Amino acid sequence: MKILKGHQGPVNSALFSTDRKLIVSASSDFTIRIWDAKTGREIQKMDDHDWFVRTAFFSPNGRLIVSSSDDETIRLWDVSTGQQIGDPFKGHGRGVCSAVFSPDGKTVVSASLDNTLRIWDSNTRQQIGEPLNGHAAEVYSVSFSPDGKKLVSASLDNTIRIWDTYTGTQIGLLSNDSDGRDCPAVFSHDGKMIISASNDNIIRIWNFPSLQDLINSTRERFENRQLTIEERKKYYLE
């Protein structure tokens, strides 16, 4: 077992690069660090964030890192130099809990305490379209499907929601019995299932619903008067 020491606060995330040669970590000490996975040596320290760093993820080609922070920004970093690339992504009104690259590396999606998701162009660092609204409370995690066509998000509102990446439209809603505080939901490698963590000590595995299942679920929730105001507006019911 190797022990990597250097952070001066809780480590909020740690991930291998695709080739498993590097590790990136994000910490409440306001820093991101890159480590040699074989030796455990610290290679780079990035400290431009002004508050806790929630997550740090490698790009698919391993050349960049995207980080999210309670300072309300998302930042891109050059792995080889440790330097920040361009200006921060700005738009969220509260802390950013997660930010990840799409499978092709062309976009970044972020989840925030401001209840929204946002999609960004990773080259220009500009927001693409409007925020994805639907969650009624803080959103703690978001991830892409393997083909990049869908997103799954988990929120403190006790829901997991599935979104169409290209239109920003919500296409699925899964009710969770526990809030999603710091509990991720991710797609399986084949994109056919979703697995979610929770604060009620349970791991849930969901079969990704077909279009007909989504229609039936929405119809049932409508008949039981369970649709949110935002959903009713979206479906032209109000």
C-alpha atoms as a PDB file:
ATOM      1  CA  MET A   1       0.000   0.000   0.000  1.00  0.00           C
ATOM      2  CA  LYS A   2       1.200   3.493  -0.866  1.00  0.00           C
ATOM      3  CA  ILE A   3       0.319   6.585   1.156  1.00  0.00           C
ATOM      4  CA  LEU A   4       0.336   9.909  -0.680  1.00  0.00           C
ATOM      5  CA  LYS A   5       0.954  12.798   1.686  1.00  0.00           C
ATOM      6  CA  GLY A   6       0.866  16.512   0.939  1.00  0.00           C
ATOM      7  CA  HIS A   7      -2.672  17.834   1.293  1.00  0.00           C
ATOM      8  CA  GLN A   8      -3.413  19.970   4.337  1.00  0.00           C
ATOM      9  CA  GLY A   9      -7.148  19.288   4.404  1.00  0.00           C
ATOM     10  CA  PRO A  10      -9.710  16.592   3.573  1.00  0.00           C
ATOM     11  CA  VAL A  11      -9.240  14.982   0.160  1.00  0.00           C
ATOM     12  CA  ASN A  12     -12.576  15.161  -1.660  1.00  0.00           C
ATOM     13  CA  SER A  13     -11.690  13.157  -4.766  1.00  0.00           C
ATOM     14  CA  ALA A  14      -8.814  11.098  -6.185  1.00  0.00           C
ATOM     15  CA  LEU A  15      -8.730   9.457  -9.620  1.00  0.00           C
ATOM     16  CA  PHE A  16      -6.309   7.648 -11.918  1.00  0.00           C
ATOM     17  CA  SER A  17      -5.499   8.917 -15.390  1.00  0.00           C
ATOM     18  CA  THR A  18      -6.652   6.699 -18.250  1.00  0.00           C
ATOM     19  CA  ASP A  19      -3.176   5.148 -18.606  1.00  0.00           C
ATOM     20  CA  ARG A  20      -2.968   4.714 -14.797  1.00  0.00           C
ATOM     21  CA  LYS A  21       0.374   6.516 -14.655  1.00  0.00           C
ATOM     22  CA  LEU A  22      -0.938   9.569 -12.804  1.00  0.00           C
ATOM     23  CA  ILE A  23      -3.358  10.348  -9.982  1.00  0.00           C
ATOM     24  CA  VAL A  24      -5.187  13.642  -9.535  1.00  0.00           C
ATOM     25  CA  SER A  25      -6.625  14.693  -6.178  1.00  0.00           C
ATOM     26  CA  ALA A  26      -8.851  17.573  -5.063  1.00  0.00           C
ATOM     27  CA  SER A  27      -8.885  18.884  -1.526  1.00  0.00           C
ATOM     28  CA  SER A  28     -10.483  21.266   0.922  1.00  0.00           C
ATOM     29  CA  ASP A  29      -7.031  22.845   1.280  1.00  0.00           C
ATOM     30  CA  PHE A  30      -7.962  24.756  -1.955  1.00  0.00           C
ATOM     31  CA  THR A  31      -5.498  22.701  -4.051  1.00  0.00           C
ATOM     32  CA  ILE A  32      -5.389  20.099  -6.796  1.00  0.00           C
ATOM     33  CA  ARG A  33      -2.374  17.823  -6.917  1.00  0.00           C
ATOM     34  CA  ILE A  34      -0.978  15.440  -9.508  1.00  0.00           C
ATOM     35  CA  TRP A  35       0.951  12.395  -8.333  1.00  0.00           C
ATOM     36  CA  ASP A  36       3.116   9.753  -9.933  1.00  0.00           C
ATOM     37  CA  ALA A  37       1.028   6.606  -9.431  1.00  0.00           C
ATOM     38  CA  LYS A  38       4.076   4.343  -9.321  1.00  0.00           C
ATOM     39  CA  THR A  39       6.276   6.254  -6.881  1.00  0.00           C
ATOM     40  CA  GLY A  40       3.667   8.325  -5.026  1.00  0.00           C
ATOM     41  CA  ARG A  41       5.714  11.472  -5.698  1.00  0.00           C
ATOM     42  CA  GLU A  42       3.857  14.778  -6.004  1.00  0.00           C
ATOM     43  CA  ILE A  43       4.418  16.162  -9.503  1.00  0.00           C
ATOM     44  CA  GLN A  44       2.225  19.275  -9.655  1.00  0.00           C
ATOM     45  CA  LYS A  45       0.350  21.444  -7.181  1.00  0.00           C
ATOM     46  CA  MET A  46      -2.352  23.799  -8.486  1.00  0.00           C
ATOM     47  CA  ASP A  47      -3.652  26.372  -6.022  1.00  0.00           C
ATOM     48  CA  ASP A  48      -5.610  28.991  -7.988  1.00  0.00           C
ATOM     49  CA  HIS A  49      -9.001  28.098  -6.479  1.00  0.00           C
ATOM     50  CA  ASP A  50     -10.228  30.377  -3.694  1.00  0.00           C
ATOM     51  CA  TRP A  51     -12.221  27.797  -1.726  1.00  0.00           C
ATOM     52  CA  PHE A  52     -12.681  24.054  -1.264  1.00  0.00           C
ATOM     53  CA  VAL A  53     -12.024  22.001  -4.399  1.00  0.00           C
ATOM     54  CA  ARG A  54     -14.723  19.377  -4.766  1.00  0.00           C
ATOM     55  CA  THR A  55     -13.603  17.294  -7.757  1.00  0.00           C
ATOM     56  CA  ALA A  56     -10.857  16.978 -10.346  1.00  0.00           C
ATOM     57  CA  PHE A  57     -11.127  14.807 -13.462  1.00  0.00           C
ATOM     58  CA  PHE A  58      -8.745  14.018 -16.318  1.00  0.00           C
ATOM     59  CA  SER A  59      -9.815  14.646 -19.903  1.00  0.00           C
ATOM     60  CA  PRO A  60     -10.218  11.522 -22.062  1.00  0.00           C
ATOM     61  CA  ASN A  61      -6.796  12.085 -23.678  1.00  0.00           C
ATOM     62  CA  GLY A  62      -5.172  12.668 -20.279  1.00  0.00           C
ATOM     63  CA  ARG A  63      -3.745  16.077 -21.186  1.00  0.00           C
ATOM     64  CA  LEU A  64      -6.141  18.269 -19.214  1.00  0.00           C
ATOM     65  CA  ILE A  65      -7.824  18.335 -15.827  1.00  0.00           C
ATOM     66  CA  VAL A  66     -11.151  19.985 -15.022  1.00  0.00           C
ATOM     67  CA  SER A  67     -11.848  20.995 -11.426  1.00  0.00           C
ATOM     68  CA  SER A  68     -14.923  22.219  -9.545  1.00  0.00           C
ATOM     69  CA  SER A  69     -14.938  24.328  -6.421  1.00  0.00           C
ATOM     70  CA  ASP A  70     -17.016  26.025  -3.772  1.00  0.00           C
ATOM     71  CA  ASP A  71     -15.601  29.300  -5.129  1.00  0.00           C
ATOM     72  CA  GLU A  72     -18.357  28.955  -7.821  1.00  0.00           C
ATOM     73  CA  THR A  73     -15.884  28.303 -10.635  1.00  0.00           C
ATOM     74  CA  ILE A  74     -14.727  25.492 -12.896  1.00  0.00           C
ATOM     75  CA  ARG A  75     -11.135  25.540 -14.089  1.00  0.00           C
ATOM     76  CA  LEU A  76      -9.046  23.788 -16.729  1.00  0.00           C
ATOM     77  CA  TRP A  77      -5.433  22.763 -16.120  1.00  0.00           C
ATOM     78  CA  ASP A  78      -2.549  21.567 -18.274  1.00  0.00           C
ATOM     79  CA  VAL A  79      -1.362  18.258 -16.837  1.00  0.00           C
ATOM     80  CA  SER A  80       2.221  18.636 -18.073  1.00  0.00           C
ATOM     81  CA  THR A  81       2.786  22.128 -16.616  1.00  0.00           C
ATOM     82  CA  GLY A  82       0.210  22.418 -13.842  1.00  0.00           C
ATOM     83  CA  GLN A  83      -0.814  25.796 -15.252  1.00  0.00           C
ATOM     84  CA  GLN A  84      -4.401  27.001 -15.474  1.00  0.00           C
ATOM     85  CA  ILE A  85      -5.654  27.280 -19.048  1.00  0.00           C
ATOM     86  CA  GLY A  86      -7.496  30.524 -19.729  1.00  0.00           C
ATOM     87  CA  ASP A  87     -10.063  32.092 -17.455  1.00  0.00           C
ATOM     88  CA  PRO A  88     -12.322  30.124 -15.101  1.00  0.00           C
ATOM     89  CA  PHE A  89     -15.752  28.966 -16.282  1.00  0.00           C
ATOM     90  CA  LYS A  90     -18.203  31.289 -14.533  1.00  0.00           C
ATOM     91  CA  GLY A  91     -21.986  31.235 -14.387  1.00  0.00           C
ATOM     92  CA  HIS A  92     -23.070  29.214 -11.377  1.00  0.00           C
ATOM     93  CA  GLY A  93     -24.496  31.203  -8.482  1.00  0.00           C
ATOM     94  CA  ARG A  94     -23.231  28.874  -5.747  1.00  0.00           C
ATOM     95  CA  GLY A  95     -20.511  26.289  -5.250  1.00  0.00           C
ATOM     96  CA  VAL A  96     -19.853  23.762  -8.022  1.00  0.00           C
ATOM     97  CA  CYS A  97     -19.995  20.196  -6.721  1.00  0.00           C
ATOM     98  CA  SER A  98     -18.831  18.354  -9.818  1.00  0.00           C
ATOM     99  CA  ALA A  99     -17.512  18.991 -13.325  1.00  0.00           C
ATOM    100  CA  VAL A 100     -16.635  16.274 -15.840  1.00  0.00           C
ATOM    101  CA  PHE A 101     -15.554  15.993 -19.459  1.00  0.00           C
ATOM    102  CA  SER A 102     -17.722  14.421 -22.130  1.00  0.00           C
ATOM    103  CA  PRO A 103     -16.338  11.182 -23.636  1.00  0.00           C
ATOM    104  CA  ASP A 104     -14.997  13.119 -26.653  1.00  0.00           C
ATOM    105  CA  GLY A 105     -13.531  15.873 -24.444  1.00  0.00           C
ATOM    106  CA  LYS A 106     -15.301  18.646 -26.347  1.00  0.00           C
ATOM    107  CA  THR A 107     -17.673  19.668 -23.566  1.00  0.00           C
ATOM    108  CA  VAL A 108     -17.811  19.832 -19.783  1.00  0.00           C
ATOM    109  CA  VAL A 109     -20.917  19.442 -17.661  1.00  0.00           C
ATOM    110  CA  SER A 110     -21.192  20.825 -14.134  1.00  0.00           C
ATOM    111  CA  ALA A 111     -23.516  20.348 -11.152  1.00  0.00           C
ATOM    112  CA  SER A 112     -24.033  23.028  -8.542  1.00  0.00           C
ATOM    113  CA  LEU A 113     -25.536  24.003  -5.228  1.00  0.00           C
ATOM    114  CA  ASP A 114     -27.602  26.532  -7.242  1.00  0.00           C
ATOM    115  CA  ASN A 115     -29.854  23.562  -8.284  1.00  0.00           C
ATOM    116  CA  THR A 116     -28.706  23.619 -11.923  1.00  0.00           C
ATOM    117  CA  LEU A 117     -26.549  21.759 -14.395  1.00  0.00           C
ATOM    118  CA  ARG A 118     -24.632  23.621 -17.076  1.00  0.00           C
ATOM    119  CA  ILE A 119     -22.904  22.468 -20.240  1.00  0.00           C
ATOM    120  CA  TRP A 120     -19.741  24.233 -21.410  1.00  0.00           C
ATOM    121  CA  ASP A 121     -17.530  24.286 -24.483  1.00  0.00           C
ATOM    122  CA  SER A 122     -14.181  23.018 -23.199  1.00  0.00           C
ATOM    123  CA  ASN A 123     -12.227  25.051 -25.779  1.00  0.00           C
ATOM    124  CA  THR A 124     -13.902  28.446 -25.353  1.00  0.00           C
ATOM    125  CA  ARG A 125     -14.971  27.860 -21.722  1.00  0.00           C
ATOM    126  CA  GLN A 126     -18.325  29.418 -22.633  1.00  0.00           C
ATOM    127  CA  GLN A 127     -21.682  28.055 -21.513  1.00  0.00           C
ATOM    128  CA  ILE A 128     -23.671  26.223 -24.180  1.00  0.00           C
ATOM    129  CA  GLY A 129     -27.369  27.078 -24.067  1.00  0.00           C
ATOM    130  CA  GLU A 130     -29.383  27.697 -20.946  1.00  0.00           C
ATOM    131  CA  PRO A 131     -28.873  26.029 -17.544  1.00  0.00           C
ATOM    132  CA  LEU A 132     -30.566  22.652 -17.126  1.00  0.00           C
ATOM    133  CA  ASN A 133     -33.344  23.305 -14.624  1.00  0.00           C
ATOM    134  CA  GLY A 134     -35.503  20.676 -12.985  1.00  0.00           C
ATOM    135  CA  HIS A 135     -33.959  19.776  -9.667  1.00  0.00           C
ATOM    136  CA  ALA A 136     -35.634  21.414  -6.678  1.00  0.00           C
ATOM    137  CA  ALA A 137     -32.518  21.402  -4.484  1.00  0.00           C
ATOM    138  CA  GLU A 138     -28.724  21.287  -4.646  1.00  0.00           C
ATOM    139  CA  VAL A 139     -27.229  19.009  -7.321  1.00  0.00           C
ATOM    140  CA  TYR A 140     -24.241  17.068  -6.049  1.00  0.00           C
ATOM    141  CA  SER A 141     -23.204  14.902  -8.986  1.00  0.00           C
ATOM    142  CA  VAL A 142     -23.448  14.626 -12.749  1.00  0.00           C
ATOM    143  CA  SER A 143     -21.919  12.264 -15.306  1.00  0.00           C
ATOM    144  CA  PHE A 144     -22.157  11.432 -19.001  1.00  0.00           C
ATOM    145  CA  SER A 145     -23.358   8.199 -20.519  1.00  0.00           C
ATOM    146  CA  PRO A 146     -20.594   6.318 -22.394  1.00  0.00           C
ATOM    147  CA  ASP A 147     -21.851   7.591 -25.755  1.00  0.00           C
ATOM    148  CA  GLY A 148     -22.077  11.170 -24.466  1.00  0.00           C
ATOM    149  CA  LYS A 149     -25.724  11.496 -25.462  1.00  0.00           C
ATOM    150  CA  LYS A 150     -27.216  11.488 -21.958  1.00  0.00           C
ATOM    151  CA  LEU A 151     -26.469  12.878 -18.508  1.00  0.00           C
ATOM    152  CA  VAL A 152     -27.451  11.582 -15.100  1.00  0.00           C
ATOM    153  CA  SER A 153     -27.612  13.867 -12.059  1.00  0.00           C
ATOM    154  CA  ALA A 154     -28.290  13.296  -8.361  1.00  0.00           C
ATOM    155  CA  SER A 155     -29.727  15.905  -6.025  1.00  0.00           C
ATOM    156  CA  LEU A 156     -30.704  16.721  -2.483  1.00  0.00           C
ATOM    157  CA  ASP A 157     -34.322  16.744  -3.759  1.00  0.00           C
ATOM    158  CA  ASN A 158     -34.312  12.914  -3.546  1.00  0.00           C
ATOM    159  CA  THR A 159     -34.319  12.468  -7.324  1.00  0.00           C
ATOM    160  CA  ILE A 160     -32.005  11.210 -10.005  1.00  0.00           C
ATOM    161  CA  ARG A 161     -32.668  12.783 -13.375  1.00  0.00           C
ATOM    162  CA  ILE A 162     -31.646  11.807 -16.889  1.00  0.00           C
ATOM    163  CA  TRP A 163     -31.086  14.473 -19.537  1.00  0.00           C
ATOM    164  CA  ASP A 164     -30.593  14.656 -23.287  1.00  0.00           C
ATOM    165  CA  THR A 165     -27.138  16.215 -23.713  1.00  0.00           C
ATOM    166  CA  TYR A 166     -27.878  17.930 -27.008  1.00  0.00           C
ATOM    167  CA  THR A 167     -31.244  19.471 -26.207  1.00  0.00           C
ATOM    168  CA  GLY A 168     -30.867  19.897 -22.443  1.00  0.00           C
ATOM    169  CA  THR A 169     -34.278  18.266 -22.027  1.00  0.00           C
ATOM    170  CA  GLN A 170     -35.029  16.079 -19.035  1.00  0.00           C
ATOM    171  CA  ILE A 171     -35.934  12.607 -20.360  1.00  0.00           C
ATOM    172  CA  GLY A 172     -36.104  10.567 -17.161  1.00  0.00           C
ATOM    173  CA  LEU A 173     -36.827  10.861 -13.460  1.00  0.00           C
ATOM    174  CA  LEU A 174     -35.960   8.274 -10.821  1.00  0.00           C
ATOM    175  CA  SER A 175     -37.227   8.743  -7.279  1.00  0.00           C
ATOM    176  CA  ASN A 176     -34.675   8.121  -4.565  1.00  0.00           C
ATOM    177  CA  ASP A 177     -35.592   7.346  -0.961  1.00  0.00           C
ATOM    178  CA  SER A 178     -32.600   9.272   0.312  1.00  0.00           C
ATOM    179  CA  ASP A 179     -31.123  12.665  -0.493  1.00  0.00           C
ATOM    180  CA  GLY A 180     -28.171  12.808  -2.856  1.00  0.00           C
ATOM    181  CA  ARG A 181     -25.815  14.825  -0.670  1.00  0.00           C
ATOM    182  CA  ASP A 182     -22.313  13.868  -1.811  1.00  0.00           C
ATOM    183  CA  CYS A 183     -23.776  10.671  -3.325  1.00  0.00           C
ATOM    184  CA  PRO A 184     -23.063  10.135  -7.029  1.00  0.00           C
ATOM    185  CA  ALA A 185     -25.123   8.456  -9.730  1.00  0.00           C
ATOM    186  CA  VAL A 186     -23.331   7.098 -12.795  1.00  0.00           C
ATOM    187  CA  PHE A 187     -24.048   5.074 -15.919  1.00  0.00           C
ATOM    188  CA  SER A 188     -22.728   1.545 -16.391  1.00  0.00           C
ATOM    189  CA  HIS A 189     -20.058   1.069 -19.070  1.00  0.00           C
ATOM    190  CA  ASP A 190     -22.664  -0.085 -21.598  1.00  0.00           C
ATOM    191  CA  GLY A 191     -25.022   2.792 -20.738  1.00  0.00           C
ATOM    192  CA  LYS A 192     -27.924   0.452 -19.979  1.00  0.00           C
ATOM    193  CA  MET A 193     -27.976   0.867 -16.197  1.00  0.00           C
ATOM    194  CA  ILE A 194     -27.498   3.572 -13.594  1.00  0.00           C
ATOM    195  CA  ILE A 195     -25.997   2.960 -10.162  1.00  0.00           C
ATOM    196  CA  SER A 196     -26.546   5.392  -7.311  1.00  0.00           C
ATOM    197  CA  ALA A 197     -25.160   5.803  -3.816  1.00  0.00           C
ATOM    198  CA  SER A 198     -27.242   7.156  -0.940  1.00  0.00           C
ATOM    199  CA  ASN A 199     -27.209   8.243   2.677  1.00  0.00           C
ATOM    200  CA  ASP A 200     -29.606   5.478   3.731  1.00  0.00           C
ATOM    201  CA  ASN A 201     -26.842   2.830   3.509  1.00  0.00           C
ATOM    202  CA  ILE A 202     -28.206   1.425   0.233  1.00  0.00           C
ATOM    203  CA  ILE A 203     -26.746   1.135  -3.274  1.00  0.00           C
ATOM    204  CA  ARG A 204     -29.376   1.160  -6.010  1.00  0.00           C
ATOM    205  CA  ILE A 205     -29.039  -0.200  -9.537  1.00  0.00           C
ATOM    206  CA  TRP A 206     -31.535   1.079 -12.071  1.00  0.00           C
ATOM    207  CA  ASN A 207     -32.238  -0.277 -15.546  1.00  0.00           C
ATOM    208  CA  PHE A 208     -32.258   2.724 -17.832  1.00  0.00           C
ATOM    209  CA  PRO A 209     -35.916   3.091 -18.799  1.00  0.00           C
ATOM    210  CA  SER A 210     -37.157   2.844 -22.370  1.00  0.00           C
ATOM    211  CA  LEU A 211     -39.046   5.756 -23.911  1.00  0.00           C
ATOM    212  CA  GLN A 212     -42.354   3.979 -23.293  1.00  0.00           C
ATOM    213  CA  ASP A 213     -41.424   3.411 -19.641  1.00  0.00           C
ATOM    214  CA  LEU A 214     -40.676   7.123 -19.303  1.00  0.00           C
ATOM    215  CA  ILE A 215     -44.048   8.020 -20.857  1.00  0.00           C
ATOM    216  CA  ASN A 216     -45.883   5.605 -18.572  1.00  0.00           C
ATOM    217  CA  SER A 217     -44.041   6.878 -15.496  1.00  0.00           C
ATOM    218  CA  THR A 218     -44.813  10.505 -16.342  1.00  0.00           C
ATOM    219  CA  ARG A 219     -48.484   9.670 -17.008  1.00  0.00           C
ATOM    220  CA  GLU A 220     -48.767   7.878 -13.659  1.00  0.00           C
ATOM    221  CA  ARG A 221     -47.136  10.754 -11.779  1.00  0.00           C
ATOM    222  CA  PHE A 222     -49.472  13.202 -13.562  1.00  0.00           C
ATOM    223  CA  GLU A 223     -52.549  11.190 -12.598  1.00  0.00           C
ATOM    224  CA  ASN A 224     -51.335  11.068  -8.983  1.00  0.00           C
ATOM    225  CA  ARG A 225     -50.660  14.823  -9.010  1.00  0.00           C
ATOM    226  CA  GLN A 226     -46.933  14.258  -8.369  1.00  0.00           C
ATOM    227  CA  LEU A 227     -45.485  16.410 -11.157  1.00  0.00           C
ATOM    228  CA  THR A 228     -43.513  19.475 -10.086  1.00  0.00           C
ATOM    229  CA  ILE A 229     -44.495  22.952 -11.257  1.00  0.00           C
ATOM    230  CA  GLU A 230     -41.520  22.981 -13.632  1.00  0.00           C
ATOM    231  CA  GLU A 231     -42.593  19.658 -15.129  1.00  0.00           C
ATOM    232  CA  ARG A 232     -46.164  20.826 -15.544  1.00  0.00           C
ATOM    233  CA  LYS A 233     -44.933  23.915 -17.387  1.00  0.00           C
ATOM    234  CA  LYS A 234     -42.677  21.798 -19.570  1.00  0.00           C
ATOM    235  CA  TYR A 235     -45.546  19.533 -20.557  1.00  0.00           C
ATOM    236  CA  TYR A 236     -47.842  22.554 -21.152  1.00  0.00           C
ATOM    237  CA  LEU A 237     -50.143  21.603 -18.297  1.00  0.00           C
ATOM    238  CA  GLU A 238     -50.061  25.092 -16.811  1.00  0.00           C
END
